[in-house]
Amino acid sequence: MIVKRAWRGRRDDRGERAIGPRLRSERRRWEPAAYWLLYVVAFLAALFHWQAGNEFLAALCALTVLVSIRCIMRAHREGESAL
């Protein structure tokens, strides 16, 4: 008989840290908000840098916008699957 032992900090089968349900729900609540904040700030920064003539920073901020959109979509999908 195989005994599966669990201890603090061990990862579960999905690859996530084994954390309590309260902490997991807090993360699910604030994670999308943080990505939305990143999206808004990076989008405005890209427009600002583009208008100022700094194309490199405008492109970097635009790339950050794309990454934040991808994170928002991932967080949304994970939130729906948790229901």
PDB file of N, CA and C in Angstrom:
ATOM      1  N   MET A   1       0.832  -1.170   0.000  1.00  0.00           N
ATOM      2  CA  MET A   1       0.000   0.000   0.000  1.00  0.00           C
ATOM      3  C   MET A   1       0.883   1.241   0.000  1.00  0.00           C
ATOM      4  N   ILE A   2       0.582   2.144  -0.938  1.00  0.00           N
ATOM      5  CA  ILE A   2       1.358   3.371  -1.066  1.00  0.00           C
ATOM      6  C   ILE A   2       0.680   4.471  -0.258  1.00  0.00           C
ATOM      7  N   VAL A   3       1.471   5.095   0.580  1.00  0.00           N
ATOM      8  CA  VAL A   3       0.936   6.166   1.412  1.00  0.00           C
ATOM      9  C   VAL A   3       1.429   7.490   0.838  1.00  0.00           C
ATOM     10  N   LYS A   4       0.483   8.346   0.500  1.00  0.00           N
ATOM     11  CA  LYS A   4       0.839   9.659  -0.006  1.00  0.00           C
ATOM     12  C   LYS A   4       0.871  10.628   1.163  1.00  0.00           C
ATOM     13  N   ARG A   5       2.025  11.154   1.443  1.00  0.00           N
ATOM     14  CA  ARG A   5       2.183  12.048   2.578  1.00  0.00           C
ATOM     15  C   ARG A   5       2.180  13.489   2.086  1.00  0.00           C
ATOM     16  N   ALA A   6       1.552  14.328   2.844  1.00  0.00           N
ATOM     17  CA  ALA A   6       1.513  15.752   2.516  1.00  0.00           C
ATOM     18  C   ALA A   6       2.215  16.532   3.615  1.00  0.00           C
ATOM     19  N   TRP A   7       2.940  17.546   3.239  1.00  0.00           N
ATOM     20  CA  TRP A   7       3.568  18.411   4.206  1.00  0.00           C
ATOM     21  C   TRP A   7       3.499  19.844   3.692  1.00  0.00           C
ATOM     22  N   ARG A   8       3.817  20.739   4.556  1.00  0.00           N
ATOM     23  CA  ARG A   8       3.678  22.153   4.246  1.00  0.00           C
ATOM     24  C   ARG A   8       4.571  22.547   3.079  1.00  0.00           C
ATOM     25  N   GLY A   9       3.989  23.254   2.089  1.00  0.00           N
ATOM     26  CA  GLY A   9       4.768  23.729   0.961  1.00  0.00           C
ATOM     27  C   GLY A   9       4.849  22.753  -0.190  1.00  0.00           C
ATOM     28  N   ARG A  10       4.323  21.569  -0.032  1.00  0.00           N
ATOM     29  CA  ARG A  10       4.377  20.596  -1.120  1.00  0.00           C
ATOM     30  C   ARG A  10       3.386  20.984  -2.203  1.00  0.00           C
ATOM     31  N   ARG A  11       3.731  20.687  -3.422  1.00  0.00           N
ATOM     32  CA  ARG A  11       2.849  21.026  -4.535  1.00  0.00           C
ATOM     33  C   ARG A  11       1.846  19.899  -4.750  1.00  0.00           C
ATOM     34  N   ASP A  12       0.623  20.292  -5.120  1.00  0.00           N
ATOM     35  CA  ASP A  12      -0.394  19.267  -5.370  1.00  0.00           C
ATOM     36  C   ASP A  12      -0.310  18.795  -6.824  1.00  0.00           C
ATOM     37  N   ASP A  13      -1.227  17.970  -7.249  1.00  0.00           N
ATOM     38  CA  ASP A  13      -1.158  17.357  -8.580  1.00  0.00           C
ATOM     39  C   ASP A  13      -1.251  18.363  -9.714  1.00  0.00           C
ATOM     40  N   ARG A  14      -1.893  19.516  -9.497  1.00  0.00           N
ATOM     41  CA  ARG A  14      -2.022  20.511 -10.561  1.00  0.00           C
ATOM     42  C   ARG A  14      -0.793  21.392 -10.665  1.00  0.00           C
ATOM     43  N   GLY A  15       0.167  21.240  -9.819  1.00  0.00           N
ATOM     44  CA  GLY A  15       1.374  22.033  -9.863  1.00  0.00           C
ATOM     45  C   GLY A  15       1.282  23.327  -9.069  1.00  0.00           C
ATOM     46  N   GLU A  16       0.189  23.572  -8.376  1.00  0.00           N
ATOM     47  CA  GLU A  16       0.050  24.760  -7.553  1.00  0.00           C
ATOM     48  C   GLU A  16       0.530  24.444  -6.139  1.00  0.00           C
ATOM     49  N   ARG A  17       0.938  25.486  -5.447  1.00  0.00           N
ATOM     50  CA  ARG A  17       1.299  25.277  -4.047  1.00  0.00           C
ATOM     51  C   ARG A  17       0.064  24.902  -3.273  1.00  0.00           C
ATOM     52  N   ALA A  18       0.232  23.987  -2.359  1.00  0.00           N
ATOM     53  CA  ALA A  18      -0.895  23.565  -1.532  1.00  0.00           C
ATOM     54  C   ALA A  18      -1.183  24.668  -0.518  1.00  0.00           C
ATOM     55  N   ILE A  19      -2.166  25.513  -0.834  1.00  0.00           N
ATOM     56  CA  ILE A  19      -2.533  26.612   0.049  1.00  0.00           C
ATOM     57  C   ILE A  19      -3.981  26.448   0.443  1.00  0.00           C
ATOM     58  N   GLY A  20      -4.349  27.117   1.502  1.00  0.00           N
ATOM     59  CA  GLY A  20      -5.703  27.007   2.005  1.00  0.00           C
ATOM     60  C   GLY A  20      -6.723  27.660   1.091  1.00  0.00           C
ATOM     61  N   PRO A  21      -8.002  27.300   1.249  1.00  0.00           N
ATOM     62  CA  PRO A  21      -9.039  27.841   0.373  1.00  0.00           C
ATOM     63  C   PRO A  21      -9.230  29.346   0.537  1.00  0.00           C
ATOM     64  N   ARG A  22      -9.009  29.869   1.743  1.00  0.00           N
ATOM     65  CA  ARG A  22      -9.179  31.310   1.941  1.00  0.00           C
ATOM     66  C   ARG A  22      -8.122  32.093   1.176  1.00  0.00           C
ATOM     67  N   LEU A  23      -6.877  31.667   1.267  1.00  0.00           N
ATOM     68  CA  LEU A  23      -5.797  32.348   0.566  1.00  0.00           C
ATOM     69  C   LEU A  23      -5.968  32.229  -0.942  1.00  0.00           C
ATOM     70  N   ARG A  24      -6.422  31.078  -1.414  1.00  0.00           N
ATOM     71  CA  ARG A  24      -6.639  30.888  -2.836  1.00  0.00           C
ATOM     72  C   ARG A  24      -7.746  31.811  -3.347  1.00  0.00           C
ATOM     73  N   SER A  25      -8.822  31.987  -2.568  1.00  0.00           N
ATOM     74  CA  SER A  25      -9.905  32.860  -2.996  1.00  0.00           C
ATOM     75  C   SER A  25      -9.461  34.323  -2.989  1.00  0.00           C
ATOM     76  N   GLU A  26      -8.612  34.696  -2.040  1.00  0.00           N
ATOM     77  CA  GLU A  26      -8.080  36.061  -2.031  1.00  0.00           C
ATOM     78  C   GLU A  26      -7.246  36.315  -3.279  1.00  0.00           C
ATOM     79  N   ARG A  27      -6.444  35.341  -3.655  1.00  0.00           N
ATOM     80  CA  ARG A  27      -5.612  35.494  -4.847  1.00  0.00           C
ATOM     81  C   ARG A  27      -6.476  35.610  -6.084  1.00  0.00           C
ATOM     82  N   ARG A  28      -7.525  34.806  -6.172  1.00  0.00           N
ATOM     83  CA  ARG A  28      -8.402  34.868  -7.340  1.00  0.00           C
ATOM     84  C   ARG A  28      -9.129  36.193  -7.431  1.00  0.00           C
ATOM     85  N   ARG A  29      -9.352  36.832  -6.301  1.00  0.00           N
ATOM     86  CA  ARG A  29     -10.063  38.101  -6.317  1.00  0.00           C
ATOM     87  C   ARG A  29      -9.151  39.245  -6.758  1.00  0.00           C
ATOM     88  N   TRP A  30      -7.907  39.275  -6.277  1.00  0.00           N
ATOM     89  CA  TRP A  30      -7.032  40.408  -6.538  1.00  0.00           C
ATOM     90  C   TRP A  30      -6.172  40.251  -7.784  1.00  0.00           C
ATOM     91  N   GLU A  31      -5.935  39.041  -8.229  1.00  0.00           N
ATOM     92  CA  GLU A  31      -5.064  38.835  -9.386  1.00  0.00           C
ATOM     93  C   GLU A  31      -5.595  39.511 -10.646  1.00  0.00           C
ATOM     94  N   PRO A  32      -6.873  39.327 -11.032  1.00  0.00           N
ATOM     95  CA  PRO A  32      -7.362  40.031 -12.228  1.00  0.00           C
ATOM     96  C   PRO A  32      -7.325  41.545 -12.075  1.00  0.00           C
ATOM     97  N   ALA A  33      -7.576  42.055 -10.883  1.00  0.00           N
ATOM     98  CA  ALA A  33      -7.533  43.506 -10.668  1.00  0.00           C
ATOM     99  C   ALA A  33      -6.121  44.039 -10.895  1.00  0.00           C
ATOM    100  N   ALA A  34      -5.129  43.290 -10.463  1.00  0.00           N
ATOM    101  CA  ALA A  34      -3.750  43.712 -10.677  1.00  0.00           C
ATOM    102  C   ALA A  34      -3.401  43.711 -12.161  1.00  0.00           C
ATOM    103  N   TYR A  35      -3.878  42.714 -12.901  1.00  0.00           N
ATOM    104  CA  TYR A  35      -3.611  42.677 -14.335  1.00  0.00           C
ATOM    105  C   TYR A  35      -4.323  43.816 -15.062  1.00  0.00           C
ATOM    106  N   TRP A  36      -5.539  44.158 -14.626  1.00  0.00           N
ATOM    107  CA  TRP A  36      -6.259  45.285 -15.230  1.00  0.00           C
ATOM    108  C   TRP A  36      -5.524  46.591 -14.952  1.00  0.00           C
ATOM    109  N   LEU A  37      -5.007  46.756 -13.740  1.00  0.00           N
ATOM    110  CA  LEU A  37      -4.243  47.957 -13.425  1.00  0.00           C
ATOM    111  C   LEU A  37      -2.994  48.033 -14.300  1.00  0.00           C
ATOM    112  N   LEU A  38      -2.299  46.927 -14.450  1.00  0.00           N
ATOM    113  CA  LEU A  38      -1.129  46.877 -15.325  1.00  0.00           C
ATOM    114  C   LEU A  38      -1.516  47.244 -16.752  1.00  0.00           C
ATOM    115  N   TYR A  39      -2.648  46.729 -17.227  1.00  0.00           N
ATOM    116  CA  TYR A  39      -3.116  47.010 -18.583  1.00  0.00           C
ATOM    117  C   TYR A  39      -3.359  48.500 -18.776  1.00  0.00           C
ATOM    118  N   VAL A  40      -4.074  49.126 -17.863  1.00  0.00           N
ATOM    119  CA  VAL A  40      -4.414  50.548 -17.996  1.00  0.00           C
ATOM    120  C   VAL A  40      -3.167  51.417 -17.943  1.00  0.00           C
ATOM    121  N   VAL A  41      -2.297  51.162 -16.979  1.00  0.00           N
ATOM    122  CA  VAL A  41      -1.089  51.963 -16.829  1.00  0.00           C
ATOM    123  C   VAL A  41      -0.165  51.781 -18.026  1.00  0.00           C
ATOM    124  N   ALA A  42       0.026  50.559 -18.473  1.00  0.00           N
ATOM    125  CA  ALA A  42       0.921  50.301 -19.604  1.00  0.00           C
ATOM    126  C   ALA A  42       0.353  50.886 -20.897  1.00  0.00           C
ATOM    127  N   PHE A  43      -0.967  50.826 -21.071  1.00  0.00           N
ATOM    128  CA  PHE A  43      -1.581  51.389 -22.277  1.00  0.00           C
ATOM    129  C   PHE A  43      -1.383  52.904 -22.315  1.00  0.00           C
ATOM    130  N   LEU A  44      -1.642  53.565 -21.188  1.00  0.00           N
ATOM    131  CA  LEU A  44      -1.444  55.016 -21.132  1.00  0.00           C
ATOM    132  C   LEU A  44       0.028  55.388 -21.287  1.00  0.00           C
ATOM    133  N   ALA A  45       0.909  54.590 -20.720  1.00  0.00           N
ATOM    134  CA  ALA A  45       2.345  54.854 -20.870  1.00  0.00           C
ATOM    135  C   ALA A  45       2.783  54.673 -22.321  1.00  0.00           C
ATOM    136  N   ALA A  46       2.230  53.681 -23.010  1.00  0.00           N
ATOM    137  CA  ALA A  46       2.574  53.485 -24.418  1.00  0.00           C
ATOM    138  C   ALA A  46       2.132  54.691 -25.246  1.00  0.00           C
ATOM    139  N   LEU A  47       0.933  55.193 -24.986  1.00  0.00           N
ATOM    140  CA  LEU A  47       0.471  56.380 -25.710  1.00  0.00           C
ATOM    141  C   LEU A  47       1.337  57.599 -25.392  1.00  0.00           C
ATOM    142  N   PHE A  48       1.686  57.765 -24.133  1.00  0.00           N
ATOM    143  CA  PHE A  48       2.528  58.889 -23.720  1.00  0.00           C
ATOM    144  C   PHE A  48       3.896  58.826 -24.399  1.00  0.00           C
ATOM    145  N   HIS A  49       4.534  57.677 -24.358  1.00  0.00           N
ATOM    146  CA  HIS A  49       5.864  57.549 -24.955  1.00  0.00           C
ATOM    147  C   HIS A  49       5.805  57.699 -26.473  1.00  0.00           C
ATOM    148  N   TRP A  50       4.749  57.206 -27.084  1.00  0.00           N
ATOM    149  CA  TRP A  50       4.613  57.341 -28.539  1.00  0.00           C
ATOM    150  C   TRP A  50       4.494  58.817 -28.915  1.00  0.00           C
ATOM    151  N   GLN A  51       3.688  59.561 -28.147  1.00  0.00           N
ATOM    152  CA  GLN A  51       3.504  60.983 -28.414  1.00  0.00           C
ATOM    153  C   GLN A  51       4.791  61.763 -28.147  1.00  0.00           C
ATOM    154  N   ALA A  52       5.565  61.316 -27.170  1.00  0.00           N
ATOM    155  CA  ALA A  52       6.822  61.992 -26.837  1.00  0.00           C
ATOM    156  C   ALA A  52       7.942  61.660 -27.821  1.00  0.00           C
ATOM    157  N   GLY A  53       7.716  60.686 -28.684  1.00  0.00           N
ATOM    158  CA  GLY A  53       8.716  60.339 -29.687  1.00  0.00           C
ATOM    159  C   GLY A  53       9.686  59.254 -29.261  1.00  0.00           C
ATOM    160  N   ASN A  54       9.424  58.590 -28.160  1.00  0.00           N
ATOM    161  CA  ASN A  54      10.302  57.528 -27.685  1.00  0.00           C
ATOM    162  C   ASN A  54       9.692  56.183 -28.102  1.00  0.00           C
ATOM    163  N   GLU A  55      10.026  55.758 -29.317  1.00  0.00           N
ATOM    164  CA  GLU A  55       9.411  54.561 -29.880  1.00  0.00           C
ATOM    165  C   GLU A  55       9.799  53.287 -29.145  1.00  0.00           C
ATOM    166  N   PHE A  56      11.026  53.239 -28.613  1.00  0.00           N
ATOM    167  CA  PHE A  56      11.463  52.022 -27.920  1.00  0.00           C
ATOM    168  C   PHE A  56      10.614  51.771 -26.669  1.00  0.00           C
ATOM    169  N   LEU A  57      10.453  52.799 -25.839  1.00  0.00           N
ATOM    170  CA  LEU A  57       9.646  52.623 -24.632  1.00  0.00           C
ATOM    171  C   LEU A  57       8.170  52.434 -24.973  1.00  0.00           C
ATOM    172  N   ALA A  58       7.709  53.050 -26.060  1.00  0.00           N
ATOM    173  CA  ALA A  58       6.327  52.844 -26.490  1.00  0.00           C
ATOM    174  C   ALA A  58       6.108  51.385 -26.881  1.00  0.00           C
ATOM    175  N   ALA A  59       7.072  50.810 -27.593  1.00  0.00           N
ATOM    176  CA  ALA A  59       6.963  49.404 -27.987  1.00  0.00           C
ATOM    177  C   ALA A  59       7.046  48.485 -26.762  1.00  0.00           C
ATOM    178  N   LEU A  60       7.894  48.827 -25.816  1.00  0.00           N
ATOM    179  CA  LEU A  60       8.015  48.032 -24.591  1.00  0.00           C
ATOM    180  C   LEU A  60       6.716  48.077 -23.791  1.00  0.00           C
ATOM    181  N   CYS A  61       6.108  49.242 -23.702  1.00  0.00           N
ATOM    182  CA  CYS A  61       4.830  49.362 -22.989  1.00  0.00           C
ATOM    183  C   CYS A  61       3.719  48.637 -23.744  1.00  0.00           C
ATOM    184  N   ALA A  62       3.751  48.681 -25.073  1.00  0.00           N
ATOM    185  CA  ALA A  62       2.756  47.958 -25.865  1.00  0.00           C
ATOM    186  C   ALA A  62       2.908  46.448 -25.661  1.00  0.00           C
ATOM    187  N   LEU A  63       4.139  45.978 -25.563  1.00  0.00           N
ATOM    188  CA  LEU A  63       4.372  44.563 -25.276  1.00  0.00           C
ATOM    189  C   LEU A  63       3.832  44.205 -23.897  1.00  0.00           C
ATOM    190  N   THR A  64       3.993  45.089 -22.932  1.00  0.00           N
ATOM    191  CA  THR A  64       3.448  44.869 -21.591  1.00  0.00           C
ATOM    192  C   THR A  64       1.925  44.823 -21.621  1.00  0.00           C
ATOM    193  N   VAL A  65       1.314  45.637 -22.471  1.00  0.00           N
ATOM    194  CA  VAL A  65      -0.143  45.596 -22.634  1.00  0.00           C
ATOM    195  C   VAL A  65      -0.574  44.218 -23.136  1.00  0.00           C
ATOM    196  N   LEU A  66       0.134  43.701 -24.126  1.00  0.00           N
ATOM    197  CA  LEU A  66      -0.209  42.384 -24.666  1.00  0.00           C
ATOM    198  C   LEU A  66      -0.047  41.287 -23.612  1.00  0.00           C
ATOM    199  N   VAL A  67       1.018  41.357 -22.825  1.00  0.00           N
ATOM    200  CA  VAL A  67       1.226  40.365 -21.770  1.00  0.00           C
ATOM    201  C   VAL A  67       0.122  40.456 -20.722  1.00  0.00           C
ATOM    202  N   SER A  68      -0.278  41.677 -20.363  1.00  0.00           N
ATOM    203  CA  SER A  68      -1.327  41.825 -19.362  1.00  0.00           C
ATOM    204  C   SER A  68      -2.673  41.325 -19.894  1.00  0.00           C
ATOM    205  N   ILE A  69      -2.943  41.522 -21.179  1.00  0.00           N
ATOM    206  CA  ILE A  69      -4.181  40.989 -21.768  1.00  0.00           C
ATOM    207  C   ILE A  69      -4.176  39.463 -21.691  1.00  0.00           C
ATOM    208  N   ARG A  70      -3.042  38.861 -21.976  1.00  0.00           N
ATOM    209  CA  ARG A  70      -2.943  37.399 -21.900  1.00  0.00           C
ATOM    210  C   ARG A  70      -3.164  36.912 -20.456  1.00  0.00           C
ATOM    211  N   CYS A  71      -2.611  37.634 -19.496  1.00  0.00           N
ATOM    212  CA  CYS A  71      -2.792  37.262 -18.093  1.00  0.00           C
ATOM    213  C   CYS A  71      -4.238  37.447 -17.645  1.00  0.00           C
ATOM    214  N   ILE A  72      -4.900  38.504 -18.130  1.00  0.00           N
ATOM    215  CA  ILE A  72      -6.305  38.726 -17.797  1.00  0.00           C
ATOM    216  C   ILE A  72      -7.147  37.582 -18.332  1.00  0.00           C
ATOM    217  N   MET A  73      -6.883  37.172 -19.570  1.00  0.00           N
ATOM    218  CA  MET A  73      -7.643  36.069 -20.161  1.00  0.00           C
ATOM    219  C   MET A  73      -7.403  34.766 -19.404  1.00  0.00           C
ATOM    220  N   ARG A  74      -6.163  34.515 -19.012  1.00  0.00           N
ATOM    221  CA  ARG A  74      -5.850  33.291 -18.274  1.00  0.00           C
ATOM    222  C   ARG A  74      -6.536  33.291 -16.909  1.00  0.00           C
ATOM    223  N   ALA A  75      -6.496  34.431 -16.221  1.00  0.00           N
ATOM    224  CA  ALA A  75      -7.132  34.522 -14.911  1.00  0.00           C
ATOM    225  C   ALA A  75      -8.646  34.369 -15.032  1.00  0.00           C
ATOM    226  N   HIS A  76      -9.206  34.890 -16.100  1.00  0.00           N
ATOM    227  CA  HIS A  76     -10.657  34.759 -16.314  1.00  0.00           C
ATOM    228  C   HIS A  76     -11.043  33.301 -16.560  1.00  0.00           C
ATOM    229  N   ARG A  77     -10.249  32.616 -17.390  1.00  0.00           N
ATOM    230  CA  ARG A  77     -10.534  31.204 -17.661  1.00  0.00           C
ATOM    231  C   ARG A  77     -10.390  30.354 -16.411  1.00  0.00           C
ATOM    232  N   GLU A  78      -9.352  30.615 -15.606  1.00  0.00           N
ATOM    233  CA  GLU A  78      -9.163  29.857 -14.365  1.00  0.00           C
ATOM    234  C   GLU A  78     -10.298  30.138 -13.382  1.00  0.00           C
ATOM    235  N   GLY A  79     -10.799  31.364 -13.376  1.00  0.00           N
ATOM    236  CA  GLY A  79     -11.893  31.721 -12.490  1.00  0.00           C
ATOM    237  C   GLY A  79     -13.176  31.014 -12.871  1.00  0.00           C
ATOM    238  N   GLU A  80     -13.435  30.857 -14.180  1.00  0.00           N
ATOM    239  CA  GLU A  80     -14.631  30.152 -14.628  1.00  0.00           C
ATOM    240  C   GLU A  80     -14.534  28.674 -14.330  1.00  0.00           C
ATOM    241  N   SER A  81     -13.345  28.105 -14.461  1.00  0.00           N
ATOM    242  CA  SER A  81     -13.206  26.657 -14.219  1.00  0.00           C
ATOM    243  C   SER A  81     -13.321  26.327 -12.736  1.00  0.00           C
ATOM    244  N   ALA A  82     -13.090  27.330 -11.867  1.00  0.00           N
ATOM    245  CA  ALA A  82     -13.177  27.092 -10.427  1.00  0.00           C
ATOM    246  C   ALA A  82     -14.624  27.068  -9.945  1.00  0.00           C
ATOM    247  N   LEU A  83     -15.544  27.609 -10.762  1.00  0.00           N
ATOM    248  CA  LEU A  83     -16.942  27.652 -10.324  1.00  0.00           C
ATOM    249  C   LEU A  83     -17.618  26.341 -10.387  1.00  0.00           C
TER     250      LEU A  83
END
